[in-house]
PDB file of N, CA and C in Angstrom:
ATOM      1  N   MET A   1      -9.156 -28.178 -40.526  1.00  0.00           N
ATOM      2  CA  MET A   1      -8.247 -27.536 -39.596  1.00  0.00           C
ATOM      3  C   MET A   1      -9.002 -26.419 -38.868  1.00  0.00           C
ATOM      4  N   PRO A   2      -8.981 -26.418 -37.527  1.00  0.00           N
ATOM      5  CA  PRO A   2      -9.725 -25.409 -36.773  1.00  0.00           C
ATOM      6  C   PRO A   2      -9.118 -24.024 -36.963  1.00  0.00           C
ATOM      7  N   LEU A   3      -9.996 -23.025 -36.938  1.00  0.00           N
ATOM      8  CA  LEU A   3      -9.538 -21.647 -37.030  1.00  0.00           C
ATOM      9  C   LEU A   3      -8.871 -21.243 -35.722  1.00  0.00           C
ATOM     10  N   LYS A   4      -7.763 -20.551 -35.834  1.00  0.00           N
ATOM     11  CA  LYS A   4      -7.076 -20.064 -34.640  1.00  0.00           C
ATOM     12  C   LYS A   4      -7.421 -18.592 -34.465  1.00  0.00           C
ATOM     13  N   ARG A   5      -7.737 -18.249 -33.237  1.00  0.00           N
ATOM     14  CA  ARG A   5      -8.041 -16.849 -32.932  1.00  0.00           C
ATOM     15  C   ARG A   5      -6.890 -16.242 -32.141  1.00  0.00           C
ATOM     16  N   ASP A   6      -6.693 -14.986 -32.400  1.00  0.00           N
ATOM     17  CA  ASP A   6      -5.698 -14.222 -31.670  1.00  0.00           C
ATOM     18  C   ASP A   6      -6.143 -14.147 -30.204  1.00  0.00           C
ATOM     19  N   PRO A   7      -5.250 -14.449 -29.252  1.00  0.00           N
ATOM     20  CA  PRO A   7      -5.617 -14.376 -27.832  1.00  0.00           C
ATOM     21  C   PRO A   7      -6.169 -13.009 -27.426  1.00  0.00           C
ATOM     22  N   LYS A   8      -5.653 -11.943 -28.036  1.00  0.00           N
ATOM     23  CA  LYS A   8      -6.162 -10.603 -27.723  1.00  0.00           C
ATOM     24  C   LYS A   8      -7.600 -10.444 -28.213  1.00  0.00           C
ATOM     25  N   GLU A   9      -7.912 -11.057 -29.332  1.00  0.00           N
ATOM     26  CA  GLU A   9      -9.287 -11.023 -29.865  1.00  0.00           C
ATOM     27  C   GLU A   9     -10.225 -11.759 -28.918  1.00  0.00           C
ATOM     28  N   ILE A  10      -9.792 -12.905 -28.422  1.00  0.00           N
ATOM     29  CA  ILE A  10     -10.601 -13.687 -27.478  1.00  0.00           C
ATOM     30  C   ILE A  10     -10.794 -12.887 -26.193  1.00  0.00           C
ATOM     31  N   GLN A  11      -9.733 -12.271 -25.711  1.00  0.00           N
ATOM     32  CA  GLN A  11      -9.812 -11.470 -24.484  1.00  0.00           C
ATOM     33  C   GLN A  11     -10.782 -10.301 -24.674  1.00  0.00           C
ATOM     34  N   ARG A  12     -10.743  -9.659 -25.844  1.00  0.00           N
ATOM     35  CA  ARG A  12     -11.646  -8.542 -26.128  1.00  0.00           C
ATOM     36  C   ARG A  12     -13.091  -9.010 -26.148  1.00  0.00           C
ATOM     37  N   ILE A  13     -13.355 -10.140 -26.774  1.00  0.00           N
ATOM     38  CA  ILE A  13     -14.711 -10.689 -26.849  1.00  0.00           C
ATOM     39  C   ILE A  13     -15.205 -11.060 -25.450  1.00  0.00           C
ATOM     40  N   MET A  14     -14.346 -11.703 -24.669  1.00  0.00           N
ATOM     41  CA  MET A  14     -14.735 -12.086 -23.304  1.00  0.00           C
ATOM     42  C   MET A  14     -15.021 -10.844 -22.464  1.00  0.00           C
ATOM     43  N   GLY A  15     -14.226  -9.808 -22.643  1.00  0.00           N
ATOM     44  CA  GLY A  15     -14.453  -8.559 -21.921  1.00  0.00           C
ATOM     45  C   GLY A  15     -15.790  -7.940 -22.282  1.00  0.00           C
ATOM     46  N   MET A  16     -16.118  -7.966 -23.556  1.00  0.00           N
ATOM     47  CA  MET A  16     -17.412  -7.416 -23.995  1.00  0.00           C
ATOM     48  C   MET A  16     -18.564  -8.237 -23.429  1.00  0.00           C
ATOM     49  N   MET A  17     -18.398  -9.554 -23.391  1.00  0.00           N
ATOM     50  CA  MET A  17     -19.449 -10.410 -22.831  1.00  0.00           C
ATOM     51  C   MET A  17     -19.614 -10.137 -21.338  1.00  0.00           C
ATOM     52  N   ALA A  18     -18.518  -9.996 -20.622  1.00  0.00           N
ATOM     53  CA  ALA A  18     -18.573  -9.722 -19.185  1.00  0.00           C
ATOM     54  C   ALA A  18     -19.258  -8.381 -18.930  1.00  0.00           C
ATOM     55  N   GLU A  19     -18.941  -7.385 -19.748  1.00  0.00           N
ATOM     56  CA  GLU A  19     -19.580  -6.079 -19.605  1.00  0.00           C
ATOM     57  C   GLU A  19     -21.077  -6.175 -19.859  1.00  0.00           C
ATOM     58  N   ALA A  20     -21.471  -6.938 -20.863  1.00  0.00           N
ATOM     59  CA  ALA A  20     -22.898  -7.092 -21.172  1.00  0.00           C
ATOM     60  C   ALA A  20     -23.636  -7.767 -20.019  1.00  0.00           C
ATOM     61  N   VAL A  21     -23.030  -8.791 -19.437  1.00  0.00           N
ATOM     62  CA  VAL A  21     -23.645  -9.493 -18.303  1.00  0.00           C
ATOM     63  C   VAL A  21     -23.762  -8.551 -17.104  1.00  0.00           C
ATOM     64  N   ALA A  22     -22.704  -7.790 -16.828  1.00  0.00           N
ATOM     65  CA  ALA A  22     -22.720  -6.851 -15.704  1.00  0.00           C
ATOM     66  C   ALA A  22     -23.796  -5.789 -15.909  1.00  0.00           C
ATOM     67  N   LEU A  23     -23.876  -5.253 -17.106  1.00  0.00           N
ATOM     68  CA  LEU A  23     -24.877  -4.229 -17.405  1.00  0.00           C
ATOM     69  C   LEU A  23     -26.289  -4.787 -17.263  1.00  0.00           C
ATOM     70  N   ALA A  24     -26.511  -6.001 -17.736  1.00  0.00           N
ATOM     71  CA  ALA A  24     -27.834  -6.630 -17.597  1.00  0.00           C
ATOM     72  C   ALA A  24     -28.187  -6.807 -16.121  1.00  0.00           C
ATOM     73  N   GLY A  25     -27.218  -7.181 -15.311  1.00  0.00           N
ATOM     74  CA  GLY A  25     -27.456  -7.332 -13.875  1.00  0.00           C
ATOM     75  C   GLY A  25     -27.822  -6.013 -13.221  1.00  0.00           C
ATOM     76  N   ILE A  26     -27.125  -4.958 -13.601  1.00  0.00           N
ATOM     77  CA  ILE A  26     -27.419  -3.630 -13.052  1.00  0.00           C
ATOM     78  C   ILE A  26     -28.818  -3.191 -13.472  1.00  0.00           C
ATOM     79  N   GLN A  27     -29.151  -3.381 -14.739  1.00  0.00           N
ATOM     80  CA  GLN A  27     -30.483  -3.000 -15.222  1.00  0.00           C
ATOM     81  C   GLN A  27     -31.570  -3.801 -14.505  1.00  0.00           C
ATOM     82  N   ASN A  28     -31.334  -5.069 -14.274  1.00  0.00           N
ATOM     83  CA  ASN A  28     -32.283  -5.919 -13.565  1.00  0.00           C
ATOM     84  C   ASN A  28     -32.487  -5.416 -12.125  1.00  0.00           C
ATOM     85  N   ASN A  29     -31.386  -5.103 -11.454  1.00  0.00           N
ATOM     86  CA  ASN A  29     -31.491  -4.596 -10.085  1.00  0.00           C
ATOM     87  C   ASN A  29     -32.183  -3.241 -10.028  1.00  0.00           C
ATOM     88  N   LEU A  30     -31.927  -2.386 -11.004  1.00  0.00           N
ATOM     89  CA  LEU A  30     -32.616  -1.096 -11.046  1.00  0.00           C
ATOM     90  C   LEU A  30     -34.121  -1.284 -11.207  1.00  0.00           C
ATOM     91  N   GLN A  31     -34.499  -2.211 -12.060  1.00  0.00           N
ATOM     92  CA  GLN A  31     -35.925  -2.482 -12.261  1.00  0.00           C
ATOM     93  C   GLN A  31     -36.552  -3.010 -10.967  1.00  0.00           C
ATOM     94  N   LYS A  32     -35.875  -3.930 -10.308  1.00  0.00           N
ATOM     95  CA  LYS A  32     -36.385  -4.459  -9.031  1.00  0.00           C
ATOM     96  C   LYS A  32     -36.507  -3.352  -7.992  1.00  0.00           C
ATOM     97  N   LEU A  33     -35.532  -2.444  -7.980  1.00  0.00           N
ATOM     98  CA  LEU A  33     -35.565  -1.335  -7.027  1.00  0.00           C
ATOM     99  C   LEU A  33     -36.769  -0.439  -7.294  1.00  0.00           C
ATOM    100  N   LYS A  34     -37.009  -0.129  -8.572  1.00  0.00           N
ATOM    101  CA  LYS A  34     -38.157   0.699  -8.946  1.00  0.00           C
ATOM    102  C   LYS A  34     -39.476   0.037  -8.562  1.00  0.00           C
ATOM    103  N   GLU A  35     -39.514  -1.277  -8.639  1.00  0.00           N
ATOM    104  CA  GLU A  35     -40.733  -2.030  -8.309  1.00  0.00           C
ATOM    105  C   GLU A  35     -40.870  -2.281  -6.813  1.00  0.00           C
ATOM    106  N   GLY A  36     -39.893  -1.837  -6.036  1.00  0.00           N
ATOM    107  CA  GLY A  36     -39.945  -2.031  -4.593  1.00  0.00           C
ATOM    108  C   GLY A  36     -39.620  -3.444  -4.150  1.00  0.00           C
ATOM    109  N   LYS A  37     -38.969  -4.204  -5.019  1.00  0.00           N
ATOM    110  CA  LYS A  37     -38.638  -5.590  -4.702  1.00  0.00           C
ATOM    111  C   LYS A  37     -37.298  -5.732  -3.982  1.00  0.00           C
ATOM    112  N   LEU A  38     -36.546  -4.655  -3.894  1.00  0.00           N
ATOM    113  CA  LEU A  38     -35.268  -4.676  -3.178  1.00  0.00           C
ATOM    114  C   LEU A  38     -35.379  -3.746  -1.985  1.00  0.00           C
ATOM    115  N   GLN A  39     -34.908  -4.226  -0.851  1.00  0.00           N
ATOM    116  CA  GLN A  39     -34.966  -3.403   0.346  1.00  0.00           C
ATOM    117  C   GLN A  39     -33.764  -3.703   1.232  1.00  0.00           C
ATOM    118  N   GLY A  40     -33.505  -2.769   2.138  1.00  0.00           N
ATOM    119  CA  GLY A  40     -32.538  -2.921   3.212  1.00  0.00           C
ATOM    120  C   GLY A  40     -31.271  -3.680   2.906  1.00  0.00           C
ATOM    121  N   LEU A  41     -31.156  -4.837   3.513  1.00  0.00           N
ATOM    122  CA  LEU A  41     -29.945  -5.643   3.437  1.00  0.00           C
ATOM    123  C   LEU A  41     -29.586  -6.003   1.994  1.00  0.00           C
ATOM    124  N   HIS A  42     -30.582  -6.297   1.192  1.00  0.00           N
ATOM    125  CA  HIS A  42     -30.320  -6.671  -0.203  1.00  0.00           C
ATOM    126  C   HIS A  42     -29.681  -5.505  -0.967  1.00  0.00           C
ATOM    127  N   ILE A  43     -30.197  -4.299  -0.764  1.00  0.00           N
ATOM    128  CA  ILE A  43     -29.636  -3.127  -1.444  1.00  0.00           C
ATOM    129  C   ILE A  43     -28.197  -2.892  -1.000  1.00  0.00           C
ATOM    130  N   LEU A  44     -27.958  -2.984   0.293  1.00  0.00           N
ATOM    131  CA  LEU A  44     -26.598  -2.800   0.812  1.00  0.00           C
ATOM    132  C   LEU A  44     -25.642  -3.852   0.260  1.00  0.00           C
ATOM    133  N   SER A  45     -26.121  -5.082   0.155  1.00  0.00           N
ATOM    134  CA  SER A  45     -25.283  -6.172  -0.360  1.00  0.00           C
ATOM    135  C   SER A  45     -24.932  -5.954  -1.824  1.00  0.00           C
ATOM    136  N   ILE A  46     -25.892  -5.492  -2.600  1.00  0.00           N
ATOM    137  CA  ILE A  46     -25.634  -5.211  -4.022  1.00  0.00           C
ATOM    138  C   ILE A  46     -24.598  -4.099  -4.150  1.00  0.00           C
ATOM    139  N   ALA A  47     -24.764  -3.035  -3.356  1.00  0.00           N
ATOM    140  CA  ALA A  47     -23.808  -1.921  -3.400  1.00  0.00           C
ATOM    141  C   ALA A  47     -22.407  -2.391  -3.017  1.00  0.00           C
ATOM    142  N   ARG A  48     -22.306  -3.215  -1.971  1.00  0.00           N
ATOM    143  CA  ARG A  48     -21.005  -3.743  -1.548  1.00  0.00           C
ATOM    144  C   ARG A  48     -20.380  -4.600  -2.643  1.00  0.00           C
ATOM    145  N   ASP A  49     -21.189  -5.434  -3.282  1.00  0.00           N
ATOM    146  CA  ASP A  49     -20.680  -6.289  -4.351  1.00  0.00           C
ATOM    147  C   ASP A  49     -20.183  -5.465  -5.537  1.00  0.00           C
ATOM    148  N   MET A  50     -20.872  -4.369  -5.822  1.00  0.00           N
ATOM    149  CA  MET A  50     -20.433  -3.501  -6.918  1.00  0.00           C
ATOM    150  C   MET A  50     -19.097  -2.845  -6.567  1.00  0.00           C
ATOM    151  N   GLU A  51     -18.943  -2.403  -5.320  1.00  0.00           N
ATOM    152  CA  GLU A  51     -17.672  -1.826  -4.884  1.00  0.00           C
ATOM    153  C   GLU A  51     -16.557  -2.867  -5.020  1.00  0.00           C
ATOM    154  N   GLN A  52     -16.836  -4.101  -4.604  1.00  0.00           N
ATOM    155  CA  GLN A  52     -15.842  -5.166  -4.700  1.00  0.00           C
ATOM    156  C   GLN A  52     -15.465  -5.426  -6.155  1.00  0.00           C
ATOM    157  N   SER A  53     -16.443  -5.416  -7.038  1.00  0.00           N
ATOM    158  CA  SER A  53     -16.157  -5.617  -8.462  1.00  0.00           C
ATOM    159  C   SER A  53     -15.252  -4.523  -8.997  1.00  0.00           C
ATOM    160  N   LEU A  54     -15.512  -3.291  -8.584  1.00  0.00           N
ATOM    161  CA  LEU A  54     -14.646  -2.185  -9.019  1.00  0.00           C
ATOM    162  C   LEU A  54     -13.216  -2.402  -8.548  1.00  0.00           C
ATOM    163  N   LEU A  55     -13.069  -2.863  -7.316  1.00  0.00           N
ATOM    164  CA  LEU A  55     -11.727  -3.083  -6.779  1.00  0.00           C
ATOM    165  C   LEU A  55     -11.036  -4.246  -7.482  1.00  0.00           C
ATOM    166  N   GLU A  56     -11.790  -5.282  -7.809  1.00  0.00           N
ATOM    167  CA  GLU A  56     -11.201  -6.468  -8.437  1.00  0.00           C
ATOM    168  C   GLU A  56     -10.769  -6.215  -9.872  1.00  0.00           C
ATOM    169  N   THR A  57     -11.403  -5.269 -10.556  1.00  0.00           N
ATOM    170  CA  THR A  57     -11.020  -5.010 -11.944  1.00  0.00           C
ATOM    171  C   THR A  57      -9.667  -4.332 -12.039  1.00  0.00           C
ATOM    172  N   LYS A  58      -9.207  -3.777 -10.919  1.00  0.00           N
ATOM    173  CA  LYS A  58      -7.909  -3.096 -10.876  1.00  0.00           C
ATOM    174  C   LYS A  58      -7.799  -2.051 -11.979  1.00  0.00           C
ATOM    175  N   TRP A  59      -8.892  -1.298 -12.156  1.00  0.00           N
ATOM    176  CA  TRP A  59      -8.938  -0.288 -13.198  1.00  0.00           C
ATOM    177  C   TRP A  59      -7.832   0.743 -13.052  1.00  0.00           C
ATOM    178  N   ALA A  60      -7.410   1.026 -11.834  1.00  0.00           N
ATOM    179  CA  ALA A  60      -6.341   2.018 -11.639  1.00  0.00           C
ATOM    180  C   ALA A  60      -5.046   1.549 -12.303  1.00  0.00           C
ATOM    181  N   GLU A  61      -4.801   0.241 -12.291  1.00  0.00           N
ATOM    182  CA  GLU A  61      -3.597  -0.298 -12.932  1.00  0.00           C
ATOM    183  C   GLU A  61      -3.691  -0.198 -14.452  1.00  0.00           C
ATOM    184  N   LEU A  62      -4.913  -0.252 -14.972  1.00  0.00           N
ATOM    185  CA  LEU A  62      -5.104  -0.176 -16.418  1.00  0.00           C
ATOM    186  C   LEU A  62      -4.970   1.247 -16.940  1.00  0.00           C
ATOM    187  N   LEU A  63      -5.180   2.206 -16.062  1.00  0.00           N
ATOM    188  CA  LEU A  63      -5.164   3.615 -16.452  1.00  0.00           C
ATOM    189  C   LEU A  63      -3.885   4.307 -15.984  1.00  0.00           C
ATOM    190  N   LYS A  64      -2.775   3.657 -16.177  1.00  0.00           N
ATOM    191  CA  LYS A  64      -1.500   4.186 -15.697  1.00  0.00           C
ATOM    192  C   LYS A  64      -1.109   5.456 -16.452  1.00  0.00           C
ATOM    193  N   SER A  65      -0.420   6.308 -15.734  1.00  0.00           N
ATOM    194  CA  SER A  65       0.092   7.545 -16.310  1.00  0.00           C
ATOM    195  C   SER A  65       1.297   7.973 -15.483  1.00  0.00           C
ATOM    196  N   LYS A  66       2.188   8.732 -16.090  1.00  0.00           N
ATOM    197  CA  LYS A  66       3.340   9.249 -15.357  1.00  0.00           C
ATOM    198  C   LYS A  66       3.010  10.570 -14.669  1.00  0.00           C
ATOM    199  N   ASP A  67       1.857  11.129 -14.975  1.00  0.00           N
ATOM    200  CA  ASP A  67       1.431  12.389 -14.384  1.00  0.00           C
ATOM    201  C   ASP A  67       1.121  12.194 -12.904  1.00  0.00           C
ATOM    202  N   MET A  68       1.852  12.880 -12.027  1.00  0.00           N
ATOM    203  CA  MET A  68       1.696  12.700 -10.578  1.00  0.00           C
ATOM    204  C   MET A  68       0.313  13.113 -10.083  1.00  0.00           C
ATOM    205  N   GLU A  69      -0.231  14.192 -10.631  1.00  0.00           N
ATOM    206  CA  GLU A  69      -1.561  14.636 -10.204  1.00  0.00           C
ATOM    207  C   GLU A  69      -2.609  13.564 -10.540  1.00  0.00           C
ATOM    208  N   TYR A  70      -2.472  12.981 -11.707  1.00  0.00           N
ATOM    209  CA  TYR A  70      -3.374  11.915 -12.142  1.00  0.00           C
ATOM    210  C   TYR A  70      -3.211  10.688 -11.246  1.00  0.00           C
ATOM    211  N   GLN A  71      -1.971  10.308 -10.939  1.00  0.00           N
ATOM    212  CA  GLN A  71      -1.719   9.162 -10.062  1.00  0.00           C
ATOM    213  C   GLN A  71      -2.314   9.389  -8.681  1.00  0.00           C
ATOM    214  N   ASN A  72      -2.149  10.611  -8.156  1.00  0.00           N
ATOM    215  CA  ASN A  72      -2.719  10.935  -6.852  1.00  0.00           C
ATOM    216  C   ASN A  72      -4.243  10.850  -6.876  1.00  0.00           C
ATOM    217  N   LEU A  73      -4.843  11.298  -7.953  1.00  0.00           N
ATOM    218  CA  LEU A  73      -6.296  11.221  -8.089  1.00  0.00           C
ATOM    219  C   LEU A  73      -6.760   9.766  -8.106  1.00  0.00           C
ATOM    220  N   LEU A  74      -6.079   8.912  -8.872  1.00  0.00           N
ATOM    221  CA  LEU A  74      -6.437   7.496  -8.923  1.00  0.00           C
ATOM    222  C   LEU A  74      -6.294   6.835  -7.554  1.00  0.00           C
ATOM    223  N   ARG A  75      -5.213   7.165  -6.839  1.00  0.00           N
ATOM    224  CA  ARG A  75      -5.023   6.609  -5.496  1.00  0.00           C
ATOM    225  C   ARG A  75      -6.140   7.071  -4.557  1.00  0.00           C
ATOM    226  N   ALA A  76      -6.529   8.323  -4.670  1.00  0.00           N
ATOM    227  CA  ALA A  76      -7.611   8.840  -3.824  1.00  0.00           C
ATOM    228  C   ALA A  76      -8.922   8.130  -4.126  1.00  0.00           C
ATOM    229  N   ILE A  77      -9.211   7.931  -5.397  1.00  0.00           N
ATOM    230  CA  ILE A  77     -10.452   7.231  -5.779  1.00  0.00           C
ATOM    231  C   ILE A  77     -10.434   5.801  -5.271  1.00  0.00           C
ATOM    232  N   GLU A  78      -9.305   5.116  -5.423  1.00  0.00           N
ATOM    233  CA  GLU A  78      -9.197   3.739  -4.949  1.00  0.00           C
ATOM    234  C   GLU A  78      -9.362   3.677  -3.429  1.00  0.00           C
ATOM    235  N   SER A  79      -8.741   4.614  -2.734  1.00  0.00           N
ATOM    236  CA  SER A  79      -8.855   4.663  -1.281  1.00  0.00           C
ATOM    237  C   SER A  79     -10.306   4.899  -0.853  1.00  0.00           C
ATOM    238  N   GLN A  80     -10.983   5.808  -1.537  1.00  0.00           N
ATOM    239  CA  GLN A  80     -12.379   6.093  -1.224  1.00  0.00           C
ATOM    240  C   GLN A  80     -13.270   4.890  -1.513  1.00  0.00           C
ATOM    241  N   THR A  81     -12.945   4.152  -2.571  1.00  0.00           N
ATOM    242  CA  THR A  81     -13.722   2.954  -2.899  1.00  0.00           C
ATOM    243  C   THR A  81     -13.560   1.910  -1.799  1.00  0.00           C
ATOM    244  N   HIS A  82     -12.335   1.708  -1.319  1.00  0.00           N
ATOM    245  CA  HIS A  82     -12.099   0.778  -0.203  1.00  0.00           C
ATOM    246  C   HIS A  82     -12.863   1.231   1.037  1.00  0.00           C
ATOM    247  N   SER A  83     -12.798   2.519   1.325  1.00  0.00           N
ATOM    248  CA  SER A  83     -13.473   3.073   2.496  1.00  0.00           C
ATOM    249  C   SER A  83     -14.990   2.892   2.398  1.00  0.00           C
ATOM    250  N   HIS A  84     -15.521   3.155   1.229  1.00  0.00           N
ATOM    251  CA  HIS A  84     -16.960   3.014   1.032  1.00  0.00           C
ATOM    252  C   HIS A  84     -17.387   1.561   1.187  1.00  0.00           C
ATOM    253  N   LYS A  85     -16.587   0.646   0.657  1.00  0.00           N
ATOM    254  CA  LYS A  85     -16.899  -0.778   0.804  1.00  0.00           C
ATOM    255  C   LYS A  85     -16.905  -1.181   2.274  1.00  0.00           C
ATOM    256  N   ARG A  86     -15.908  -0.713   3.037  1.00  0.00           N
ATOM    257  CA  ARG A  86     -15.859  -1.022   4.478  1.00  0.00           C
ATOM    258  C   ARG A  86     -17.099  -0.495   5.197  1.00  0.00           C
ATOM    259  N   LYS A  87     -17.511   0.720   4.857  1.00  0.00           N
ATOM    260  CA  LYS A  87     -18.708   1.300   5.479  1.00  0.00           C
ATOM    261  C   LYS A  87     -19.948   0.472   5.150  1.00  0.00           C
ATOM    262  N   LEU A  88     -20.033   0.018   3.913  1.00  0.00           N
ATOM    263  CA  LEU A  88     -21.165  -0.838   3.526  1.00  0.00           C
ATOM    264  C   LEU A  88     -21.148  -2.142   4.310  1.00  0.00           C
ATOM    265  N   GLU A  89     -19.960  -2.735   4.458  1.00  0.00           N
ATOM    266  CA  GLU A  89     -19.852  -3.982   5.222  1.00  0.00           C
ATOM    267  C   GLU A  89     -20.265  -3.772   6.673  1.00  0.00           C
ATOM    268  N   GLU A  90     -19.863  -2.642   7.254  1.00  0.00           N
ATOM    269  CA  GLU A  90     -20.257  -2.337   8.635  1.00  0.00           C
ATOM    270  C   GLU A  90     -21.776  -2.185   8.740  1.00  0.00           C
ATOM    271  N   LYS A  91     -22.368  -1.501   7.783  1.00  0.00           N
ATOM    272  CA  LYS A  91     -23.820  -1.299   7.798  1.00  0.00           C
ATOM    273  C   LYS A  91     -24.547  -2.630   7.614  1.00  0.00           C
ATOM    274  N   ILE A  92     -24.019  -3.483   6.754  1.00  0.00           N
ATOM    275  CA  ILE A  92     -24.622  -4.810   6.549  1.00  0.00           C
ATOM    276  C   ILE A  92     -24.616  -5.580   7.858  1.00  0.00           C
ATOM    277  N   GLU A  93     -23.488  -5.577   8.555  1.00  0.00           N
ATOM    278  CA  GLU A  93     -23.398  -6.279   9.830  1.00  0.00           C
ATOM    279  C   GLU A  93     -24.365  -5.679  10.851  1.00  0.00           C
ATOM    280  N   GLU A  94     -24.494  -4.373  10.841  1.00  0.00           N
ATOM    281  CA  GLU A  94     -25.430  -3.701  11.759  1.00  0.00           C
ATOM    282  C   GLU A  94     -26.859  -4.148  11.472  1.00  0.00           C
ATOM    283  N   VAL A  95     -27.231  -4.178  10.212  1.00  0.00           N
ATOM    284  CA  VAL A  95     -28.594  -4.583   9.839  1.00  0.00           C
ATOM    285  C   VAL A  95     -28.833  -6.041  10.183  1.00  0.00           C
ATOM    286  N   LYS A  96     -27.838  -6.893   9.946  1.00  0.00           N
ATOM    287  CA  LYS A  96     -27.966  -8.321  10.259  1.00  0.00           C
ATOM    288  C   LYS A  96     -28.149  -8.568  11.759  1.00  0.00           C
ATOM    289  N   SER A  97     -27.542  -7.726  12.580  1.00  0.00           N
ATOM    290  CA  SER A  97     -27.591  -7.948  14.028  1.00  0.00           C
ATOM    291  C   SER A  97     -28.873  -7.410  14.678  1.00  0.00           C
ATOM    292  N   ARG A  98     -29.675  -6.703  13.892  1.00  0.00           N
ATOM    293  CA  ARG A  98     -30.945  -6.185  14.439  1.00  0.00           C
ATOM    294  C   ARG A  98     -31.921  -7.332  14.646  1.00  0.00           C
ATOM    295  N   PRO A  99     -32.731  -7.215  15.705  1.00  0.00           N
ATOM    296  CA  PRO A  99     -33.733  -8.277  15.962  1.00  0.00           C
ATOM    297  C   PRO A  99     -34.845  -8.282  14.945  1.00  0.00           C
TER     298      PRO A  99
END
């Protein structure tokens, strides 16, 4: 008879695996940056992808609180993250359009 795992246990394990993969990717990109293997458009694309990942995790929803000051702070951070991502996308398009 197969062992049954608690869905929350599976979700926790998958979350830890996803975090490990993300961290390895960041460490790899940092090493490439130090070695001068990343430049211009590639760096901007990585930064944009990281901003998108932050937005997709919906961390603000996970950190709910009834405290209005805290809620306002989370909304401000989320808004700034969206704004920063848009600026990165604009810069990427600018770099792509250069001859």
